[in-house]
Amino acid sequence: MENIKVRCRSCNRELEGISGKTVSCGCPNMATIRNGVISAVDLSQVVMLNSMSNKSKSGVLTNEDLAFQEARRQRKVRRLDFEIR
């Protein structure tokens, strides 16, 4: 997993998040990265240089399975009528 990098505009210091540790710039804006969470007194003074990207897994279902599920989704519910005696 890639680390988050931000720049505090108040002090112009670049911060890189390290897993399990808190990283802070120390200026009055107090930009902080902790476990992938970015906080600051004024977040408009913080610029994201990169972010954690969520990579989606390739599909588990094959094309045949997807076609079957699509056909199944379009089936209608059949209503049964019973005689009441």
N, C-alpha and C. Protein backbone atom coordinates (compact mmCIF):
# COMPACT_ATOMS: atom_id res chain seq x y z
N MET A 1 0.84 -1.18 0.00
CA MET A 1 0.00 0.00 0.00
C MET A 1 0.89 1.24 0.00
N GLU A 2 0.46 2.22 -0.75
CA GLU A 2 1.23 3.44 -0.90
C GLU A 2 0.93 4.41 0.25
N ASN A 3 1.95 5.13 0.68
CA ASN A 3 1.76 6.10 1.76
C ASN A 3 1.12 7.38 1.25
N ILE A 4 0.37 8.05 2.12
CA ILE A 4 -0.26 9.32 1.77
C ILE A 4 0.77 10.43 1.92
N LYS A 5 0.80 11.34 0.96
CA LYS A 5 1.68 12.50 1.03
C LYS A 5 0.84 13.76 0.95
N VAL A 6 1.09 14.70 1.88
CA VAL A 6 0.39 15.99 1.86
C VAL A 6 1.42 17.10 2.07
N ARG A 7 1.02 18.32 1.69
CA ARG A 7 1.86 19.49 1.92
C ARG A 7 1.04 20.51 2.69
N CYS A 8 1.62 21.03 3.77
CA CYS A 8 0.99 22.08 4.55
C CYS A 8 1.39 23.41 3.92
N ARG A 9 0.40 24.20 3.50
CA ARG A 9 0.71 25.49 2.87
C ARG A 9 1.21 26.51 3.88
N SER A 10 0.88 26.34 5.15
CA SER A 10 1.32 27.30 6.17
C SER A 10 2.84 27.29 6.33
N CYS A 11 3.40 26.09 6.45
CA CYS A 11 4.85 26.01 6.67
C CYS A 11 5.59 25.43 5.47
N ASN A 12 4.84 25.00 4.42
CA ASN A 12 5.41 24.42 3.21
C ASN A 12 6.18 23.13 3.47
N ARG A 13 5.80 22.39 4.47
CA ARG A 13 6.46 21.12 4.79
C ARG A 13 5.64 19.97 4.20
N GLU A 14 6.34 19.01 3.61
CA GLU A 14 5.68 17.83 3.06
C GLU A 14 5.68 16.73 4.12
N LEU A 15 4.53 16.10 4.29
CA LEU A 15 4.37 15.02 5.25
C LEU A 15 4.05 13.73 4.52
N GLU A 16 4.64 12.64 4.96
CA GLU A 16 4.36 11.33 4.38
C GLU A 16 3.90 10.42 5.50
N GLY A 17 2.71 9.86 5.33
CA GLY A 17 2.14 8.99 6.36
C GLY A 17 2.89 7.68 6.46
N ILE A 18 3.16 7.27 7.68
CA ILE A 18 3.83 6.00 7.96
C ILE A 18 2.85 5.17 8.78
N SER A 19 2.63 3.92 8.38
CA SER A 19 1.64 3.11 9.07
C SER A 19 2.04 2.90 10.52
N GLY A 20 1.08 3.13 11.41
CA GLY A 20 1.31 2.94 12.83
C GLY A 20 1.90 4.13 13.54
N LYS A 21 2.24 5.20 12.83
CA LYS A 21 2.84 6.38 13.45
C LYS A 21 2.06 7.63 13.08
N THR A 22 2.16 8.62 13.96
CA THR A 22 1.55 9.92 13.71
C THR A 22 2.63 10.86 13.22
N VAL A 23 2.36 11.55 12.10
CA VAL A 23 3.31 12.50 11.53
C VAL A 23 2.63 13.87 11.52
N SER A 24 3.33 14.88 12.04
CA SER A 24 2.76 16.22 12.12
C SER A 24 3.80 17.24 11.68
N CYS A 25 3.32 18.39 11.17
CA CYS A 25 4.25 19.40 10.68
C CYS A 25 4.73 20.32 11.81
N GLY A 26 3.91 20.54 12.83
CA GLY A 26 4.37 21.33 13.98
C GLY A 26 4.10 22.82 13.88
N CYS A 27 3.56 23.29 12.77
CA CYS A 27 3.24 24.72 12.64
C CYS A 27 1.88 24.99 13.32
N PRO A 28 1.43 26.23 13.38
CA PRO A 28 0.13 26.52 14.01
C PRO A 28 -1.06 25.83 13.34
N ASN A 29 -0.94 25.48 12.06
CA ASN A 29 -2.02 24.76 11.38
C ASN A 29 -2.10 23.31 11.85
N MET A 30 -1.00 22.75 12.29
CA MET A 30 -0.92 21.41 12.87
C MET A 30 -1.50 20.33 11.95
N ALA A 31 -1.00 20.27 10.72
CA ALA A 31 -1.41 19.22 9.78
C ALA A 31 -0.86 17.89 10.29
N THR A 32 -1.71 16.88 10.34
CA THR A 32 -1.33 15.59 10.93
C THR A 32 -1.86 14.46 10.06
N ILE A 33 -1.03 13.42 9.92
CA ILE A 33 -1.45 12.18 9.27
C ILE A 33 -1.33 11.08 10.30
N ARG A 34 -2.45 10.38 10.54
CA ARG A 34 -2.45 9.30 11.51
C ARG A 34 -3.29 8.15 10.97
N ASN A 35 -2.66 7.02 10.68
CA ASN A 35 -3.34 5.82 10.17
C ASN A 35 -4.21 6.11 8.95
N GLY A 36 -3.72 6.92 8.03
CA GLY A 36 -4.45 7.21 6.81
C GLY A 36 -5.49 8.31 6.94
N VAL A 37 -5.57 8.96 8.12
CA VAL A 37 -6.53 10.04 8.35
C VAL A 37 -5.76 11.35 8.41
N ILE A 38 -6.22 12.34 7.64
CA ILE A 38 -5.55 13.64 7.60
C ILE A 38 -6.39 14.63 8.41
N SER A 39 -5.73 15.36 9.30
CA SER A 39 -6.43 16.38 10.07
C SER A 39 -5.56 17.62 10.14
N ALA A 40 -6.22 18.76 10.35
CA ALA A 40 -5.52 20.04 10.48
C ALA A 40 -6.50 21.05 11.06
N VAL A 41 -5.99 22.16 11.56
CA VAL A 41 -6.85 23.22 12.05
C VAL A 41 -7.64 23.80 10.87
N ASP A 42 -6.96 24.07 9.76
CA ASP A 42 -7.60 24.58 8.55
C ASP A 42 -7.22 23.66 7.39
N LEU A 43 -8.14 22.78 7.00
CA LEU A 43 -7.84 21.81 5.94
C LEU A 43 -7.70 22.47 4.57
N SER A 44 -8.15 23.70 4.40
CA SER A 44 -7.95 24.37 3.12
C SER A 44 -6.48 24.73 2.92
N GLN A 45 -5.69 24.68 3.97
CA GLN A 45 -4.26 24.94 3.88
C GLN A 45 -3.45 23.66 3.64
N VAL A 46 -4.12 22.54 3.44
CA VAL A 46 -3.45 21.25 3.22
C VAL A 46 -3.70 20.80 1.79
N VAL A 47 -2.64 20.41 1.08
CA VAL A 47 -2.73 19.96 -0.30
C VAL A 47 -2.35 18.49 -0.36
N MET A 48 -3.22 17.68 -1.00
CA MET A 48 -2.93 16.25 -1.16
C MET A 48 -1.96 16.09 -2.34
N LEU A 49 -0.83 15.48 -2.12
CA LEU A 49 0.12 15.21 -3.19
C LEU A 49 -0.18 13.86 -3.85
N ASN A 50 -0.58 12.89 -3.07
CA ASN A 50 -1.08 11.62 -3.59
C ASN A 50 -2.03 11.05 -2.55
N SER A 51 -2.76 10.04 -2.92
CA SER A 51 -3.71 9.45 -1.99
C SER A 51 -3.66 7.94 -2.11
N MET A 52 -4.31 7.30 -1.17
CA MET A 52 -4.39 5.84 -1.21
C MET A 52 -5.43 5.48 -2.25
N SER A 53 -5.06 4.66 -3.20
CA SER A 53 -6.01 4.25 -4.23
C SER A 53 -6.51 2.86 -3.90
N ASN A 54 -7.82 2.70 -3.98
CA ASN A 54 -8.42 1.40 -3.75
C ASN A 54 -8.44 0.65 -5.07
N LYS A 55 -7.65 -0.38 -5.15
CA LYS A 55 -7.60 -1.17 -6.37
C LYS A 55 -8.68 -2.24 -6.28
N SER A 56 -9.58 -2.21 -7.24
CA SER A 56 -10.65 -3.20 -7.22
C SER A 56 -10.12 -4.50 -7.82
N LYS A 57 -10.58 -5.58 -7.26
CA LYS A 57 -10.17 -6.89 -7.75
C LYS A 57 -10.87 -7.17 -9.07
N SER A 58 -10.25 -8.00 -9.87
CA SER A 58 -10.91 -8.40 -11.10
C SER A 58 -12.11 -9.26 -10.72
N GLY A 59 -13.09 -9.28 -11.58
CA GLY A 59 -14.34 -9.96 -11.28
C GLY A 59 -14.14 -11.43 -10.97
N VAL A 60 -14.88 -11.91 -10.00
CA VAL A 60 -14.81 -13.31 -9.61
C VAL A 60 -15.64 -14.14 -10.57
N LEU A 61 -16.72 -13.55 -11.07
CA LEU A 61 -17.60 -14.28 -11.96
C LEU A 61 -17.08 -14.22 -13.40
N THR A 62 -17.28 -15.32 -14.11
CA THR A 62 -16.89 -15.35 -15.53
C THR A 62 -17.99 -14.68 -16.35
N ASN A 63 -17.74 -14.52 -17.64
CA ASN A 63 -18.74 -13.92 -18.52
C ASN A 63 -20.00 -14.77 -18.59
N GLU A 64 -19.85 -16.10 -18.56
CA GLU A 64 -21.02 -16.99 -18.58
C GLU A 64 -21.85 -16.81 -17.31
N ASP A 65 -21.18 -16.69 -16.17
CA ASP A 65 -21.89 -16.49 -14.90
C ASP A 65 -22.63 -15.15 -14.89
N LEU A 66 -22.00 -14.12 -15.43
CA LEU A 66 -22.65 -12.81 -15.49
C LEU A 66 -23.87 -12.85 -16.39
N ALA A 67 -23.78 -13.55 -17.52
CA ALA A 67 -24.92 -13.66 -18.43
C ALA A 67 -26.05 -14.43 -17.76
N PHE A 68 -25.72 -15.50 -17.03
CA PHE A 68 -26.75 -16.26 -16.31
C PHE A 68 -27.44 -15.40 -15.27
N GLN A 69 -26.67 -14.63 -14.50
CA GLN A 69 -27.25 -13.78 -13.47
C GLN A 69 -28.13 -12.69 -14.08
N GLU A 70 -27.72 -12.15 -15.22
CA GLU A 70 -28.53 -11.13 -15.89
C GLU A 70 -29.85 -11.72 -16.38
N ALA A 71 -29.80 -12.93 -16.96
CA ALA A 71 -31.02 -13.59 -17.41
C ALA A 71 -31.91 -13.92 -16.22
N ARG A 72 -31.31 -14.31 -15.11
CA ARG A 72 -32.07 -14.64 -13.91
C ARG A 72 -32.74 -13.40 -13.34
N ARG A 73 -32.06 -12.27 -13.42
CA ARG A 73 -32.61 -11.03 -12.87
C ARG A 73 -33.85 -10.58 -13.64
N GLN A 74 -33.92 -10.92 -14.91
CA GLN A 74 -35.03 -10.47 -15.74
C GLN A 74 -36.22 -11.42 -15.73
N ARG A 75 -36.14 -12.51 -14.98
CA ARG A 75 -37.27 -13.43 -14.89
C ARG A 75 -38.41 -12.77 -14.13
N LYS A 76 -39.60 -13.11 -14.50
CA LYS A 76 -40.78 -12.58 -13.83
C LYS A 76 -41.25 -13.56 -12.77
N VAL A 77 -41.89 -13.04 -11.75
CA VAL A 77 -42.45 -13.89 -10.71
C VAL A 77 -43.79 -14.42 -11.21
N ARG A 78 -43.93 -15.72 -11.19
CA ARG A 78 -45.17 -16.33 -11.66
C ARG A 78 -46.14 -16.42 -10.50
N ARG A 79 -47.34 -15.95 -10.75
CA ARG A 79 -48.34 -15.96 -9.70
C ARG A 79 -49.21 -17.20 -9.87
N LEU A 80 -49.35 -17.95 -8.81
CA LEU A 80 -50.16 -19.17 -8.87
C LEU A 80 -51.54 -18.90 -8.29
N ASP A 81 -52.55 -19.38 -8.98
CA ASP A 81 -53.92 -19.23 -8.49
C ASP A 81 -54.40 -20.61 -8.00
N PHE A 82 -54.94 -20.62 -6.80
CA PHE A 82 -55.47 -21.85 -6.23
C PHE A 82 -56.96 -21.68 -6.00
N GLU A 83 -57.67 -22.78 -6.16
CA GLU A 83 -59.09 -22.77 -5.85
C GLU A 83 -59.26 -22.92 -4.35
N ILE A 84 -60.15 -22.15 -3.80
CA ILE A 84 -60.44 -22.24 -2.37
C ILE A 84 -61.74 -23.00 -2.23
N ARG A 85 -61.69 -24.07 -1.48
CA ARG A 85 -62.90 -24.88 -1.30
C ARG A 85 -63.54 -24.61 0.02
